[in-house]
N, C-alpha and C. Protein backbone atom coordinates (compact mmCIF):
# COMPACT_ATOMS: atom_id res chain seq x y z
N UNK A 1 19.00 7.90 -11.30
CA UNK A 1 18.61 6.71 -12.05
C UNK A 1 17.23 6.22 -11.62
N UNK A 2 16.47 5.65 -12.55
CA UNK A 2 15.14 5.15 -12.20
C UNK A 2 15.21 4.02 -11.18
N UNK A 3 14.16 3.92 -10.39
CA UNK A 3 14.04 2.83 -9.41
C UNK A 3 13.04 1.82 -9.96
N UNK A 4 12.67 0.86 -9.15
CA UNK A 4 11.65 -0.11 -9.54
C UNK A 4 10.24 0.41 -9.37
N UNK A 5 10.10 1.66 -8.89
CA UNK A 5 8.78 2.23 -8.64
C UNK A 5 8.30 3.07 -9.81
N UNK A 6 7.03 2.89 -10.15
CA UNK A 6 6.40 3.65 -11.23
C UNK A 6 5.14 4.31 -10.67
N UNK A 7 4.98 5.60 -10.96
CA UNK A 7 3.79 6.34 -10.57
C UNK A 7 2.76 6.21 -11.68
N UNK A 8 1.50 5.92 -11.33
CA UNK A 8 0.43 5.86 -12.31
C UNK A 8 -0.70 6.78 -11.87
N UNK A 9 -1.37 7.40 -12.85
CA UNK A 9 -2.49 8.29 -12.55
C UNK A 9 -3.55 8.14 -13.64
N UNK A 10 -4.68 8.78 -13.41
CA UNK A 10 -5.86 8.68 -14.28
C UNK A 10 -6.41 7.25 -14.26
N UNK A 11 -6.25 6.59 -13.11
CA UNK A 11 -6.73 5.22 -12.93
C UNK A 11 -8.23 5.28 -12.59
N UNK A 12 -9.07 4.52 -13.29
CA UNK A 12 -10.50 4.50 -12.94
C UNK A 12 -10.69 4.08 -11.48
N UNK A 13 -11.58 4.75 -10.78
CA UNK A 13 -11.80 4.49 -9.36
C UNK A 13 -12.26 3.06 -9.10
N UNK A 14 -12.91 2.42 -10.07
CA UNK A 14 -13.44 1.08 -9.87
C UNK A 14 -12.38 -0.02 -9.96
N UNK A 15 -11.19 0.33 -10.41
CA UNK A 15 -10.12 -0.66 -10.61
C UNK A 15 -9.42 -0.96 -9.28
N UNK A 16 -9.15 -2.23 -9.02
CA UNK A 16 -8.47 -2.64 -7.79
C UNK A 16 -6.98 -2.85 -8.04
N UNK A 17 -6.22 -2.88 -6.96
CA UNK A 17 -4.78 -3.13 -7.08
C UNK A 17 -4.53 -4.53 -7.66
N UNK A 18 -5.38 -5.49 -7.33
CA UNK A 18 -5.22 -6.84 -7.87
C UNK A 18 -5.41 -6.83 -9.39
N UNK A 19 -6.38 -6.08 -9.88
CA UNK A 19 -6.61 -5.99 -11.33
C UNK A 19 -5.42 -5.33 -12.02
N UNK A 20 -4.86 -4.30 -11.40
CA UNK A 20 -3.69 -3.64 -11.99
C UNK A 20 -2.50 -4.59 -12.01
N UNK A 21 -2.33 -5.34 -10.94
CA UNK A 21 -1.23 -6.30 -10.89
C UNK A 21 -1.35 -7.32 -12.02
N UNK A 22 -2.55 -7.82 -12.24
CA UNK A 22 -2.77 -8.77 -13.34
C UNK A 22 -2.50 -8.13 -14.70
N UNK A 23 -2.98 -6.90 -14.89
CA UNK A 23 -2.83 -6.22 -16.18
C UNK A 23 -1.38 -5.87 -16.48
N UNK A 24 -0.63 -5.49 -15.45
CA UNK A 24 0.74 -5.01 -15.66
C UNK A 24 1.80 -6.10 -15.54
N UNK A 25 1.42 -7.30 -15.12
CA UNK A 25 2.41 -8.37 -14.93
C UNK A 25 3.09 -8.77 -16.24
N UNK A 26 2.49 -8.43 -17.38
CA UNK A 26 3.12 -8.73 -18.67
C UNK A 26 4.40 -7.93 -18.87
N UNK A 27 4.59 -6.85 -18.09
CA UNK A 27 5.77 -6.00 -18.24
C UNK A 27 6.91 -6.40 -17.31
N UNK A 28 6.62 -7.25 -16.33
CA UNK A 28 7.66 -7.69 -15.40
C UNK A 28 7.06 -8.20 -14.10
N UNK A 29 7.95 -8.63 -13.22
CA UNK A 29 7.53 -9.16 -11.92
C UNK A 29 7.18 -7.99 -11.00
N UNK A 30 6.00 -8.05 -10.43
CA UNK A 30 5.51 -6.96 -9.59
C UNK A 30 5.61 -7.35 -8.12
N UNK A 31 6.23 -6.48 -7.34
CA UNK A 31 6.29 -6.68 -5.88
C UNK A 31 4.98 -6.28 -5.22
N UNK A 32 4.46 -5.10 -5.63
CA UNK A 32 3.25 -4.59 -5.01
C UNK A 32 2.63 -3.50 -5.87
N UNK A 33 1.33 -3.33 -5.70
CA UNK A 33 0.61 -2.22 -6.31
C UNK A 33 -0.07 -1.48 -5.17
N UNK A 34 0.13 -0.18 -5.09
CA UNK A 34 -0.48 0.61 -4.02
C UNK A 34 -1.30 1.73 -4.64
N UNK A 35 -2.61 1.64 -4.52
CA UNK A 35 -3.50 2.71 -4.97
C UNK A 35 -3.72 3.67 -3.82
N UNK A 36 -3.71 4.95 -4.11
CA UNK A 36 -3.85 5.97 -3.08
C UNK A 36 -5.32 6.31 -2.85
N UNK A 37 -5.65 6.57 -1.59
CA UNK A 37 -7.01 6.96 -1.20
C UNK A 37 -6.95 8.26 -0.42
N UNK A 38 -8.09 8.96 -0.35
CA UNK A 38 -8.19 10.14 0.49
C UNK A 38 -8.29 9.69 1.95
N UNK A 39 -8.29 10.64 2.87
CA UNK A 39 -8.44 10.32 4.29
C UNK A 39 -9.73 9.55 4.57
N UNK A 40 -10.75 9.76 3.74
CA UNK A 40 -12.04 9.09 3.94
C UNK A 40 -12.11 7.75 3.21
N UNK A 41 -11.01 7.33 2.58
CA UNK A 41 -10.98 6.05 1.90
C UNK A 41 -11.45 6.09 0.46
N UNK A 42 -11.67 7.28 -0.08
CA UNK A 42 -12.12 7.43 -1.47
C UNK A 42 -10.90 7.35 -2.40
N UNK A 43 -10.98 6.57 -3.47
CA UNK A 43 -9.83 6.46 -4.38
C UNK A 43 -9.43 7.81 -4.98
N UNK A 44 -8.12 8.01 -5.12
CA UNK A 44 -7.59 9.23 -5.73
C UNK A 44 -7.37 9.06 -7.24
N UNK A 45 -7.40 7.82 -7.71
CA UNK A 45 -7.16 7.59 -9.13
C UNK A 45 -5.68 7.58 -9.48
N UNK A 46 -4.85 7.34 -8.48
CA UNK A 46 -3.41 7.28 -8.71
C UNK A 46 -2.78 6.31 -7.73
N UNK A 47 -1.51 5.99 -7.98
CA UNK A 47 -0.82 5.08 -7.08
C UNK A 47 0.55 4.72 -7.60
N UNK A 48 1.09 3.63 -7.09
CA UNK A 48 2.43 3.19 -7.44
C UNK A 48 2.43 1.71 -7.77
N UNK A 49 3.26 1.36 -8.74
CA UNK A 49 3.51 -0.04 -9.07
C UNK A 49 4.98 -0.28 -8.77
N UNK A 50 5.26 -1.23 -7.90
CA UNK A 50 6.64 -1.55 -7.51
C UNK A 50 7.05 -2.83 -8.23
N UNK A 51 7.95 -2.68 -9.21
CA UNK A 51 8.48 -3.83 -9.94
C UNK A 51 9.69 -4.38 -9.20
N UNK A 52 10.04 -5.63 -9.47
CA UNK A 52 11.20 -6.28 -8.85
C UNK A 52 12.50 -5.54 -9.18
N UNK A 53 12.61 -5.04 -10.42
CA UNK A 53 13.86 -4.38 -10.83
C UNK A 53 13.56 -3.05 -11.52
N UNK A 54 14.56 -2.19 -11.56
CA UNK A 54 14.45 -0.92 -12.27
C UNK A 54 14.27 -1.16 -13.77
N UNK A 55 14.89 -2.22 -14.29
CA UNK A 55 14.78 -2.54 -15.73
C UNK A 55 13.33 -2.87 -16.09
N UNK A 56 12.65 -3.61 -15.22
CA UNK A 56 11.24 -3.94 -15.48
C UNK A 56 10.37 -2.69 -15.41
N UNK A 57 10.66 -1.82 -14.46
CA UNK A 57 9.92 -0.56 -14.36
C UNK A 57 10.14 0.28 -15.62
N UNK A 58 11.38 0.34 -16.07
CA UNK A 58 11.70 1.11 -17.29
C UNK A 58 10.99 0.53 -18.51
N UNK A 59 10.92 -0.79 -18.60
CA UNK A 59 10.22 -1.43 -19.71
C UNK A 59 8.74 -1.04 -19.72
N UNK A 60 8.15 -0.94 -18.54
CA UNK A 60 6.75 -0.55 -18.41
C UNK A 60 6.55 0.89 -18.87
N UNK A 61 7.42 1.81 -18.41
CA UNK A 61 7.33 3.22 -18.79
C UNK A 61 7.55 3.38 -20.29
N UNK A 62 8.55 2.69 -20.83
CA UNK A 62 8.84 2.78 -22.27
C UNK A 62 7.70 2.21 -23.11
N UNK A 63 7.09 1.13 -22.65
CA UNK A 63 5.95 0.56 -23.38
C UNK A 63 4.81 1.57 -23.46
N UNK A 64 4.57 2.30 -22.37
CA UNK A 64 3.51 3.31 -22.36
C UNK A 64 3.86 4.46 -23.30
N UNK A 65 5.13 4.84 -23.38
CA UNK A 65 5.54 5.93 -24.27
C UNK A 65 5.36 5.54 -25.73
N UNK A 66 5.64 4.29 -26.05
CA UNK A 66 5.52 3.82 -27.44
C UNK A 66 4.07 3.58 -27.84
N UNK A 67 3.29 3.04 -26.93
CA UNK A 67 1.88 2.73 -27.21
C UNK A 67 1.11 2.97 -25.91
N UNK A 68 0.49 4.15 -25.76
CA UNK A 68 -0.17 4.50 -24.49
C UNK A 68 -1.07 3.38 -23.96
N UNK A 69 -0.97 3.19 -22.65
CA UNK A 69 -1.73 2.14 -21.97
C UNK A 69 -3.09 2.71 -21.56
N UNK A 70 -4.15 2.04 -21.99
CA UNK A 70 -5.51 2.43 -21.65
C UNK A 70 -6.10 1.39 -20.71
N UNK A 71 -6.91 1.88 -19.76
CA UNK A 71 -7.62 1.00 -18.84
C UNK A 71 -9.04 1.52 -18.74
N UNK A 72 -10.01 0.71 -19.15
CA UNK A 72 -11.41 1.13 -19.19
C UNK A 72 -11.57 2.46 -19.92
N UNK A 73 -10.99 2.55 -21.09
CA UNK A 73 -11.05 3.73 -21.96
C UNK A 73 -10.36 4.97 -21.39
N UNK A 74 -9.51 4.81 -20.41
CA UNK A 74 -8.77 5.95 -19.85
C UNK A 74 -7.29 5.77 -20.14
N UNK A 75 -6.69 6.81 -20.68
CA UNK A 75 -5.26 6.82 -20.98
C UNK A 75 -4.52 7.04 -19.66
N UNK A 76 -3.81 6.02 -19.19
CA UNK A 76 -3.09 6.13 -17.92
C UNK A 76 -1.87 7.04 -18.07
N UNK A 77 -1.60 7.80 -17.03
CA UNK A 77 -0.35 8.54 -16.93
C UNK A 77 0.64 7.59 -16.26
N UNK A 78 1.78 7.37 -16.89
CA UNK A 78 2.79 6.43 -16.37
C UNK A 78 4.14 7.13 -16.38
N UNK A 79 4.83 7.15 -15.23
CA UNK A 79 6.14 7.79 -15.14
C UNK A 79 6.95 7.15 -14.02
N UNK A 80 8.27 7.23 -14.14
CA UNK A 80 9.11 6.74 -13.05
C UNK A 80 8.77 7.52 -11.79
N UNK A 81 8.66 6.82 -10.68
CA UNK A 81 8.39 7.48 -9.40
C UNK A 81 9.64 8.19 -8.92
N UNK A 82 9.42 9.28 -8.22
CA UNK A 82 10.54 10.02 -7.65
C UNK A 82 11.28 9.11 -6.69
N UNK A 83 12.56 8.96 -6.89
CA UNK A 83 13.36 8.06 -6.05
C UNK A 83 13.44 8.53 -4.60
N UNK A 84 13.03 9.78 -4.34
CA UNK A 84 13.08 10.33 -2.99
C UNK A 84 11.81 10.05 -2.19
N UNK A 85 11.02 9.08 -2.63
CA UNK A 85 9.82 8.71 -1.87
C UNK A 85 10.25 8.30 -0.47
N UNK A 86 9.52 8.75 0.53
CA UNK A 86 9.82 8.41 1.92
C UNK A 86 9.85 6.89 2.06
N UNK A 87 11.00 6.32 2.45
CA UNK A 87 11.09 4.86 2.54
C UNK A 87 10.05 4.25 3.48
N UNK A 88 9.60 5.01 4.47
CA UNK A 88 8.59 4.47 5.39
C UNK A 88 7.25 4.27 4.68
N UNK A 89 7.05 4.92 3.56
CA UNK A 89 5.80 4.81 2.82
C UNK A 89 5.89 3.78 1.69
N UNK A 90 7.09 3.28 1.42
CA UNK A 90 7.23 2.30 0.35
C UNK A 90 6.66 0.97 0.82
N UNK A 91 6.11 0.21 -0.08
CA UNK A 91 5.52 -1.08 0.31
C UNK A 91 6.51 -1.97 1.06
N UNK A 92 6.02 -2.59 2.12
CA UNK A 92 6.80 -3.57 2.87
C UNK A 92 5.83 -4.64 3.37
N UNK A 93 6.36 -5.65 4.03
CA UNK A 93 5.48 -6.71 4.53
C UNK A 93 4.90 -6.39 5.90
N UNK A 94 5.20 -5.19 6.43
CA UNK A 94 4.75 -4.81 7.76
C UNK A 94 3.98 -3.49 7.72
N UNK A 95 2.83 -3.47 8.40
CA UNK A 95 2.03 -2.26 8.52
C UNK A 95 2.14 -1.73 9.94
N UNK A 96 2.05 -0.40 10.09
CA UNK A 96 2.00 0.23 11.39
C UNK A 96 0.60 0.78 11.58
N UNK A 97 -0.02 0.44 12.70
CA UNK A 97 -1.35 0.94 13.05
C UNK A 97 -1.21 1.83 14.28
N UNK A 98 -1.75 3.04 14.21
CA UNK A 98 -1.62 4.00 15.30
C UNK A 98 -2.68 3.79 16.38
N UNK A 99 -2.35 4.27 17.58
CA UNK A 99 -3.28 4.35 18.72
C UNK A 99 -3.73 2.99 19.25
N UNK A 100 -2.79 2.10 19.46
CA UNK A 100 -3.09 0.82 20.11
C UNK A 100 -2.20 0.70 21.33
N UNK A 101 -2.80 0.41 22.46
CA UNK A 101 -2.02 0.30 23.69
C UNK A 101 -1.56 -1.14 23.89
N UNK A 102 -0.50 -1.30 24.69
CA UNK A 102 -0.07 -2.66 25.01
C UNK A 102 -1.25 -3.44 25.61
N UNK A 103 -1.37 -4.69 25.21
CA UNK A 103 -2.49 -5.50 25.69
C UNK A 103 -3.65 -5.57 24.71
N UNK A 104 -3.56 -4.83 23.60
CA UNK A 104 -4.66 -4.85 22.63
C UNK A 104 -4.37 -5.75 21.43
N UNK A 105 -3.48 -6.72 21.61
CA UNK A 105 -3.13 -7.63 20.52
C UNK A 105 -4.35 -8.41 20.03
N UNK A 106 -5.22 -8.84 20.94
CA UNK A 106 -6.42 -9.59 20.53
C UNK A 106 -7.31 -8.74 19.62
N UNK A 107 -7.47 -7.46 19.96
CA UNK A 107 -8.27 -6.56 19.13
C UNK A 107 -7.64 -6.42 17.75
N UNK A 108 -6.34 -6.28 17.69
CA UNK A 108 -5.64 -6.15 16.41
C UNK A 108 -5.85 -7.41 15.57
N UNK A 109 -5.69 -8.57 16.20
CA UNK A 109 -5.90 -9.83 15.47
C UNK A 109 -7.35 -9.95 14.98
N UNK A 110 -8.29 -9.44 15.76
CA UNK A 110 -9.70 -9.45 15.34
C UNK A 110 -9.90 -8.54 14.13
N UNK A 111 -9.31 -7.35 14.14
CA UNK A 111 -9.43 -6.41 13.03
C UNK A 111 -8.87 -7.01 11.74
N UNK A 112 -7.74 -7.71 11.87
CA UNK A 112 -7.08 -8.31 10.71
C UNK A 112 -7.46 -9.78 10.50
N UNK A 113 -8.59 -10.21 11.09
CA UNK A 113 -8.95 -11.63 11.07
C UNK A 113 -9.11 -12.20 9.66
N UNK A 114 -9.59 -11.40 8.71
CA UNK A 114 -9.75 -11.95 7.35
C UNK A 114 -8.41 -12.18 6.67
N UNK A 115 -7.33 -11.70 7.28
CA UNK A 115 -5.98 -11.91 6.76
C UNK A 115 -5.17 -12.83 7.67
N UNK A 116 -5.85 -13.56 8.57
CA UNK A 116 -5.18 -14.39 9.57
C UNK A 116 -4.21 -15.39 8.95
N UNK A 117 -4.55 -15.94 7.80
CA UNK A 117 -3.67 -16.93 7.18
C UNK A 117 -2.40 -16.33 6.61
N UNK A 118 -2.34 -14.99 6.50
CA UNK A 118 -1.13 -14.34 5.99
C UNK A 118 -0.39 -13.55 7.08
N UNK A 119 -0.93 -13.53 8.30
CA UNK A 119 -0.26 -12.83 9.41
C UNK A 119 0.93 -13.63 9.92
N UNK A 120 2.02 -12.93 10.19
CA UNK A 120 3.21 -13.56 10.74
C UNK A 120 3.41 -13.17 12.20
N UNK A 121 3.21 -11.87 12.51
CA UNK A 121 3.53 -11.38 13.83
C UNK A 121 2.78 -10.08 14.11
N UNK A 122 2.44 -9.85 15.38
CA UNK A 122 1.87 -8.59 15.84
C UNK A 122 2.67 -8.13 17.04
N UNK A 123 3.21 -6.91 16.97
CA UNK A 123 3.98 -6.33 18.08
C UNK A 123 3.41 -4.95 18.40
N UNK A 124 3.46 -4.56 19.66
CA UNK A 124 2.96 -3.24 20.06
C UNK A 124 4.06 -2.48 20.79
N UNK A 125 4.23 -1.20 20.42
CA UNK A 125 5.17 -0.31 21.12
C UNK A 125 4.38 0.77 21.82
N UNK A 126 4.92 1.25 22.95
CA UNK A 126 4.22 2.27 23.72
C UNK A 126 4.12 3.59 22.98
N UNK A 127 5.19 3.99 22.26
CA UNK A 127 5.15 5.23 21.49
C UNK A 127 6.11 5.14 20.32
N UNK A 128 5.84 5.93 19.29
CA UNK A 128 6.64 5.90 18.07
C UNK A 128 6.60 7.27 17.42
N UNK A 129 7.72 7.71 16.87
CA UNK A 129 7.80 9.00 16.19
C UNK A 129 7.17 8.87 14.80
N UNK A 130 6.11 9.64 14.55
CA UNK A 130 5.45 9.72 13.23
C UNK A 130 5.70 11.12 12.71
N UNK A 131 6.57 11.26 11.73
CA UNK A 131 6.88 12.59 11.20
C UNK A 131 7.57 13.40 12.27
N UNK A 132 6.88 14.44 12.76
CA UNK A 132 7.48 15.33 13.76
C UNK A 132 6.87 15.17 15.14
N UNK A 133 5.97 14.21 15.34
CA UNK A 133 5.34 14.05 16.64
C UNK A 133 5.28 12.58 17.05
N UNK A 134 5.17 12.36 18.35
CA UNK A 134 5.06 11.00 18.87
C UNK A 134 3.60 10.59 18.94
N UNK A 135 3.35 9.35 18.60
CA UNK A 135 2.01 8.78 18.69
C UNK A 135 2.07 7.70 19.76
N UNK A 136 1.14 7.75 20.70
CA UNK A 136 1.11 6.74 21.75
C UNK A 136 0.48 5.45 21.24
N UNK A 137 1.19 4.36 21.46
CA UNK A 137 0.68 3.05 21.12
C UNK A 137 0.59 2.77 19.64
N UNK A 138 1.57 2.05 19.13
CA UNK A 138 1.58 1.66 17.72
C UNK A 138 1.73 0.15 17.62
N UNK A 139 0.95 -0.43 16.73
CA UNK A 139 1.03 -1.87 16.49
C UNK A 139 1.75 -2.10 15.17
N UNK A 140 2.64 -3.07 15.16
CA UNK A 140 3.33 -3.50 13.94
C UNK A 140 2.73 -4.84 13.55
N UNK A 141 2.11 -4.88 12.38
CA UNK A 141 1.44 -6.09 11.92
C UNK A 141 2.22 -6.61 10.71
N UNK A 142 2.88 -7.75 10.89
CA UNK A 142 3.73 -8.31 9.84
C UNK A 142 2.98 -9.41 9.09
N UNK A 143 3.11 -9.38 7.75
CA UNK A 143 2.46 -10.35 6.87
C UNK A 143 3.49 -11.23 6.19
N UNK A 144 3.04 -12.29 5.54
CA UNK A 144 3.94 -13.20 4.83
C UNK A 144 4.54 -12.56 3.58
N UNK A 145 3.88 -11.53 3.03
CA UNK A 145 4.38 -10.91 1.80
C UNK A 145 3.98 -9.44 1.74
N UNK A 146 4.65 -8.71 0.85
CA UNK A 146 4.31 -7.31 0.60
C UNK A 146 2.90 -7.22 0.04
N UNK A 147 2.55 -8.14 -0.86
CA UNK A 147 1.20 -8.10 -1.46
C UNK A 147 0.12 -8.29 -0.41
N UNK A 148 0.32 -9.20 0.53
CA UNK A 148 -0.67 -9.41 1.59
C UNK A 148 -0.83 -8.14 2.42
N UNK A 149 0.29 -7.50 2.77
CA UNK A 149 0.23 -6.25 3.54
C UNK A 149 -0.47 -5.16 2.74
N UNK A 150 -0.16 -5.08 1.45
CA UNK A 150 -0.77 -4.07 0.59
C UNK A 150 -2.28 -4.26 0.50
N UNK A 151 -2.72 -5.50 0.33
CA UNK A 151 -4.15 -5.78 0.25
C UNK A 151 -4.84 -5.41 1.57
N UNK A 152 -4.24 -5.74 2.69
CA UNK A 152 -4.82 -5.40 4.00
C UNK A 152 -4.88 -3.88 4.17
N UNK A 153 -3.83 -3.18 3.79
CA UNK A 153 -3.81 -1.72 3.91
C UNK A 153 -4.96 -1.11 3.11
N UNK A 154 -5.12 -1.53 1.87
CA UNK A 154 -6.18 -0.96 1.03
C UNK A 154 -7.57 -1.30 1.55
N UNK A 155 -7.74 -2.49 2.07
CA UNK A 155 -9.05 -2.92 2.54
C UNK A 155 -9.44 -2.30 3.88
N UNK A 156 -8.46 -2.07 4.76
CA UNK A 156 -8.78 -1.70 6.13
C UNK A 156 -8.45 -0.26 6.52
N UNK A 157 -7.58 0.42 5.78
CA UNK A 157 -7.19 1.77 6.17
C UNK A 157 -8.40 2.70 6.20
N UNK A 158 -8.49 3.50 7.25
CA UNK A 158 -9.55 4.49 7.46
C UNK A 158 -10.91 3.86 7.79
N UNK A 159 -10.92 2.57 8.14
CA UNK A 159 -12.16 1.93 8.62
C UNK A 159 -12.36 2.29 10.08
N UNK A 160 -13.61 2.43 10.48
CA UNK A 160 -13.91 2.74 11.88
C UNK A 160 -13.85 1.46 12.70
N UNK A 161 -13.15 1.53 13.82
CA UNK A 161 -13.04 0.40 14.74
C UNK A 161 -14.16 0.55 15.75
N UNK A 162 -15.12 -0.35 15.73
CA UNK A 162 -16.30 -0.21 16.58
C UNK A 162 -15.95 -0.22 18.07
N UNK A 163 -14.93 -1.00 18.45
CA UNK A 163 -14.55 -1.10 19.87
C UNK A 163 -13.96 0.20 20.42
N UNK A 164 -13.32 1.00 19.57
CA UNK A 164 -12.66 2.22 20.04
C UNK A 164 -13.31 3.49 19.51
N UNK A 165 -14.09 3.37 18.43
CA UNK A 165 -14.69 4.54 17.81
C UNK A 165 -13.73 5.34 16.94
N UNK A 166 -12.48 4.90 16.85
CA UNK A 166 -11.46 5.59 16.05
C UNK A 166 -11.39 5.01 14.65
N UNK A 167 -10.83 5.82 13.74
CA UNK A 167 -10.53 5.31 12.41
C UNK A 167 -9.19 4.59 12.45
N UNK A 168 -9.12 3.47 11.78
CA UNK A 168 -7.87 2.71 11.70
C UNK A 168 -6.92 3.43 10.76
N UNK A 169 -5.76 3.83 11.26
CA UNK A 169 -4.74 4.52 10.47
C UNK A 169 -3.59 3.57 10.24
N UNK A 170 -3.39 3.20 8.98
CA UNK A 170 -2.33 2.26 8.61
C UNK A 170 -1.36 2.91 7.66
N UNK A 171 -0.11 2.48 7.74
CA UNK A 171 0.90 2.84 6.75
C UNK A 171 1.94 1.74 6.74
N UNK A 172 2.73 1.70 5.67
CA UNK A 172 3.80 0.72 5.62
C UNK A 172 4.85 1.08 6.65
N UNK A 173 5.46 0.08 7.23
CA UNK A 173 6.50 0.27 8.24
C UNK A 173 7.78 0.77 7.60
């Protein structure tokens, strides 16, 4: 059965998740919009729209089938997302940042300073299993909402941290 997640593709690179949320809100209540980027932060032109209910997601897909949805003269590809999406990658209100040691909470708060009004909590673990390997030092950054976490992920993922020289690696918790 369909879930509340919809996969979209052929999205113009200049379009933001906020713009998509505004454009698609006519089809239902949106939890989050996640646009995918390459490792270097370049837009892939695809992503996911998470509706509150499967019925709202279905209404969006059906609307596209009846009258194709165009965005900046591009015909969007719209389909139900595979329900087997890794739950750790689905939008949540918490992000995981790799390679932070205990005691680096101030650095994390500095990195996320433009989102300070939406931060709820920052926790650090010594190690965490990522896929098939352990990563030393992971920070869990909790926000007031899924949308706030999504906006922070899109804005900050793959940015270079000047204090460490590393790229910031973020994913949903």
